[in-house]
Protein backbone atom coordinates (compact mmCIF):
# COMPACT_ATOMS: atom_id res chain seq x y z
CA MET A 1 123.57 120.95 114.46
CA ASP A 2 120.42 122.87 115.12
CA THR A 3 121.27 125.36 117.80
CA LEU A 4 123.87 128.02 118.24
CA LYS A 5 125.05 126.23 121.40
CA GLU A 6 125.67 123.01 119.44
CA LYS A 7 127.64 124.95 116.83
CA LYS A 8 129.76 126.55 119.53
CA ASP A 9 130.27 123.18 121.24
CA PHE A 10 131.34 121.64 117.94
CA LYS A 11 133.77 124.46 117.24
CA GLY A 12 135.25 124.14 120.72
CA LEU A 13 135.60 120.38 120.42
CA SER A 14 137.26 120.62 117.03
CA LYS A 15 139.75 123.08 118.50
CA ALA A 16 140.28 120.78 121.50
CA LEU A 17 141.47 118.04 119.13
CA THR A 18 144.54 120.19 118.47
CA TYR A 19 145.47 120.87 122.11
CA ARG A 20 148.80 119.74 123.45
CA ASP A 21 147.17 117.83 126.34
CA ALA A 22 146.30 114.30 125.18
CA ASP A 23 143.53 113.97 127.80
CA ILE A 24 141.73 116.96 126.30
CA ARG A 25 142.16 115.60 122.76
CA ASN A 26 140.90 112.22 123.94
CA LYS A 27 137.78 113.67 125.58
CA ALA A 28 137.09 115.75 122.48
CA ALA A 29 137.27 112.65 120.28
CA ILE A 30 134.83 110.83 122.57
CA VAL A 31 132.34 113.70 122.79
CA LEU A 32 132.40 114.24 119.02
CA GLY A 33 131.26 110.64 118.67
CA GLU A 34 128.52 111.12 121.23
CA MET A 35 127.25 114.08 119.20
CA ASN A 36 126.86 111.65 116.28
CA ASP A 37 127.32 114.49 113.80
CA GLU A 38 128.59 113.84 110.29
CA SER A 39 130.38 117.20 110.41
CA ALA A 40 132.90 115.59 112.75
CA ILE A 41 133.99 112.87 110.32
CA LYS A 42 136.95 114.70 108.76
CA LEU A 43 138.16 115.86 112.18
CA LEU A 44 137.96 112.35 113.56
CA ILE A 45 139.69 110.88 110.51
CA LYS A 46 142.53 113.32 111.13
CA ALA A 47 142.56 112.32 114.81
CA LEU A 48 143.24 108.71 113.79
CA ASN A 49 146.80 109.92 113.23
CA ASP A 50 147.13 111.31 116.74
CA GLU A 51 150.40 110.42 118.46
CA ASN A 52 148.43 109.23 121.49
CA GLY A 53 146.92 105.76 121.05
CA HIS A 54 143.90 106.53 123.23
CA VAL A 55 142.98 109.54 121.09
CA SER A 56 143.29 107.64 117.81
CA SER A 57 141.42 104.62 119.18
CA ASN A 58 138.57 106.77 120.50
CA ALA A 59 138.44 108.65 117.20
CA GLY A 60 137.83 105.26 115.56
CA LYS A 61 135.10 104.41 118.06
CA SER A 62 133.47 107.78 117.41
CA LEU A 63 133.56 107.17 113.66
CA GLU A 64 131.93 103.81 114.32
CA LYS A 65 129.09 105.59 116.17
CA ILE A 66 128.60 107.90 113.19
CA GLY A 67 128.46 104.79 111.05
CA LYS A 68 127.71 104.59 107.36
CA PRO A 69 128.51 108.24 106.51
CA ALA A 70 132.10 107.64 107.72
CA VAL A 71 132.69 104.55 105.57
CA LYS A 72 134.09 106.22 102.45
CA TYR A 73 136.55 108.22 104.56
CA LEU A 74 137.60 105.10 106.47
CA ILE A 75 138.10 103.22 103.21
CA ASN A 76 140.49 105.96 102.10
CA THR A 77 142.48 105.61 105.33
CA LEU A 78 143.13 101.93 104.61
CA ASN A 79 145.97 103.24 102.43
CA ASP A 80 147.43 105.54 105.08
CA LYS A 81 151.20 105.32 105.59
CA ASN A 82 150.61 104.89 109.33
CA LYS A 83 149.97 101.23 110.14
CA SER A 84 148.00 102.13 113.27
CA VAL A 85 145.61 104.23 111.21
CA ARG A 86 145.13 101.37 108.73
CA SER A 87 144.49 99.00 111.63
CA ILE A 88 141.91 101.25 113.32
CA ALA A 89 140.22 101.89 109.97
CA ALA A 90 139.91 98.14 109.35
CA LYS A 91 138.48 97.49 112.83
CA THR A 92 136.04 100.36 112.50
CA LEU A 93 134.86 99.27 109.05
CA GLY A 94 134.33 95.74 110.36
CA ASN A 95 132.31 97.02 113.29
CA ILE A 96 130.19 99.26 111.08
CA GLY A 97 129.60 96.23 108.85
CA GLU A 98 129.10 98.04 105.57
CA ASP A 99 129.56 95.64 102.66
CA ASN A 100 130.98 98.26 100.29
CA ALA A 101 134.12 98.07 102.44
CA VAL A 102 134.71 94.40 101.54
CA ILE A 103 136.78 94.87 98.37
CA PRO A 104 139.01 97.62 99.85
CA LEU A 105 139.54 95.42 102.93
CA ILE A 106 140.40 92.40 100.77
CA ARG A 107 143.08 94.53 99.09
CA ARG A 108 144.69 95.07 102.53
CA LEU A 109 145.05 91.33 103.21
CA ASN A 110 148.59 91.61 101.86
CA ASP A 111 149.56 94.49 104.16
CA LYS A 112 153.15 94.27 105.38
CA ASP A 113 152.02 94.82 108.96
CA VAL A 114 150.74 91.72 110.73
CA ASN A 115 148.38 93.69 112.99
CA VAL A 116 146.73 95.34 110.00
CA ARG A 117 146.30 91.97 108.27
CA ASN A 118 144.84 90.52 111.45
CA ASP A 119 142.38 93.39 111.87
CA VAL A 120 141.38 93.12 108.20
CA VAL A 121 140.71 89.38 108.56
CA ILE A 122 138.53 90.00 111.62
CA ALA A 123 136.73 92.89 109.90
CA LEU A 124 135.89 90.72 106.90
CA GLY A 125 134.45 88.09 109.23
CA ASN A 126 132.36 90.71 111.01
CA ILE A 127 130.95 91.99 107.72
CA GLY A 128 130.18 88.43 106.66
CA ASP A 129 130.17 88.96 102.89
CA GLU A 130 130.74 85.85 100.77
CA ARG A 131 133.11 87.76 98.45
CA ALA A 132 135.68 87.42 101.23
CA ILE A 133 135.64 83.60 101.27
CA GLU A 134 138.30 82.97 98.61
CA PRO A 135 140.73 85.67 99.83
CA LEU A 136 140.29 84.55 103.44
CA THR A 137 140.90 80.93 102.41
CA LYS A 138 144.24 82.00 100.93
CA THR A 139 144.99 83.82 104.19
CA LEU A 140 144.78 80.51 106.08
CA ASN A 141 148.40 80.10 104.96
CA ASP A 142 149.55 83.45 106.39
CA GLU A 143 152.98 83.33 108.00
CA ASN A 144 151.46 84.61 111.24
CA GLY A 145 149.44 82.16 113.32
CA HIS A 146 147.06 84.80 114.68
CA VAL A 147 146.17 85.94 111.17
CA SER A 148 145.58 82.40 109.90
CA ASN A 149 143.57 81.43 113.00
CA ASN A 150 141.41 84.53 112.69
CA ALA A 151 140.96 83.83 108.97
CA ALA A 152 139.53 80.43 109.94
CA LYS A 153 137.20 82.05 112.48
CA SER A 154 136.09 84.62 109.92
CA LEU A 155 135.37 81.89 107.39
CA GLU A 156 133.25 80.11 110.00
CA LYS A 157 131.34 83.34 110.63
CA ILE A 158 130.68 83.73 106.93
CA GLY A 159 129.58 80.11 106.75
CA SER A 160 132.47 78.52 104.91
CA GLN A 161 134.32 75.88 106.85
CA PRO A 162 138.05 75.91 106.09
CA THR A 163 139.22 72.56 104.76
CA ASN A 164 142.99 72.77 105.08
CA LEU A 165 143.63 73.42 108.77
C-alpha cells in the first residue's frame, strides 16, 4: 500500500468484513482480493469462517489471487474445526499449485468429511506432485465414489494410471 488513500481503503474494507450485512462482507472479500495485498491475508483467512457461504468462498478466491504468500496460512487452516474452511483451504491450495502444500494435503486424505477428502484429492491432482501418487492410489478405495473417481482423475493428471479400477 503506497498511498494514504489505499491505506484508508484497506482499513475500510477490513472493517466491512465485520458488518452484519453479508453482501457488504462479500464485496469486501472480493475487493481485498482485487487489491492483491499480502496485508489482507489474515483478514481473508478469518473470513473463511464466515457464516455466509458466498463470503467464505470469495475469501478463498481472494487468497488464491494473492497466491504464494497465503499458502502457509491456508496450510494451517487445513486443520480447522470447520469442515467448510478445510474444504475451501484445500481447493485454494490446489488452485495456487504450490508444492509445499502436498504433504499437508496428503494428511487430510483421511478427513471425516467426504467433501474435504474430495477437495483434497482434486487439489493434489491440480498440484501434480508425484509424492501424491501412493496416497492417491490408496484413496481409489475410498468409501465414496466421487472421492475414488476424482482420485483416479488426479492420478491421471499426475501421470500415473490407476491399475485397480
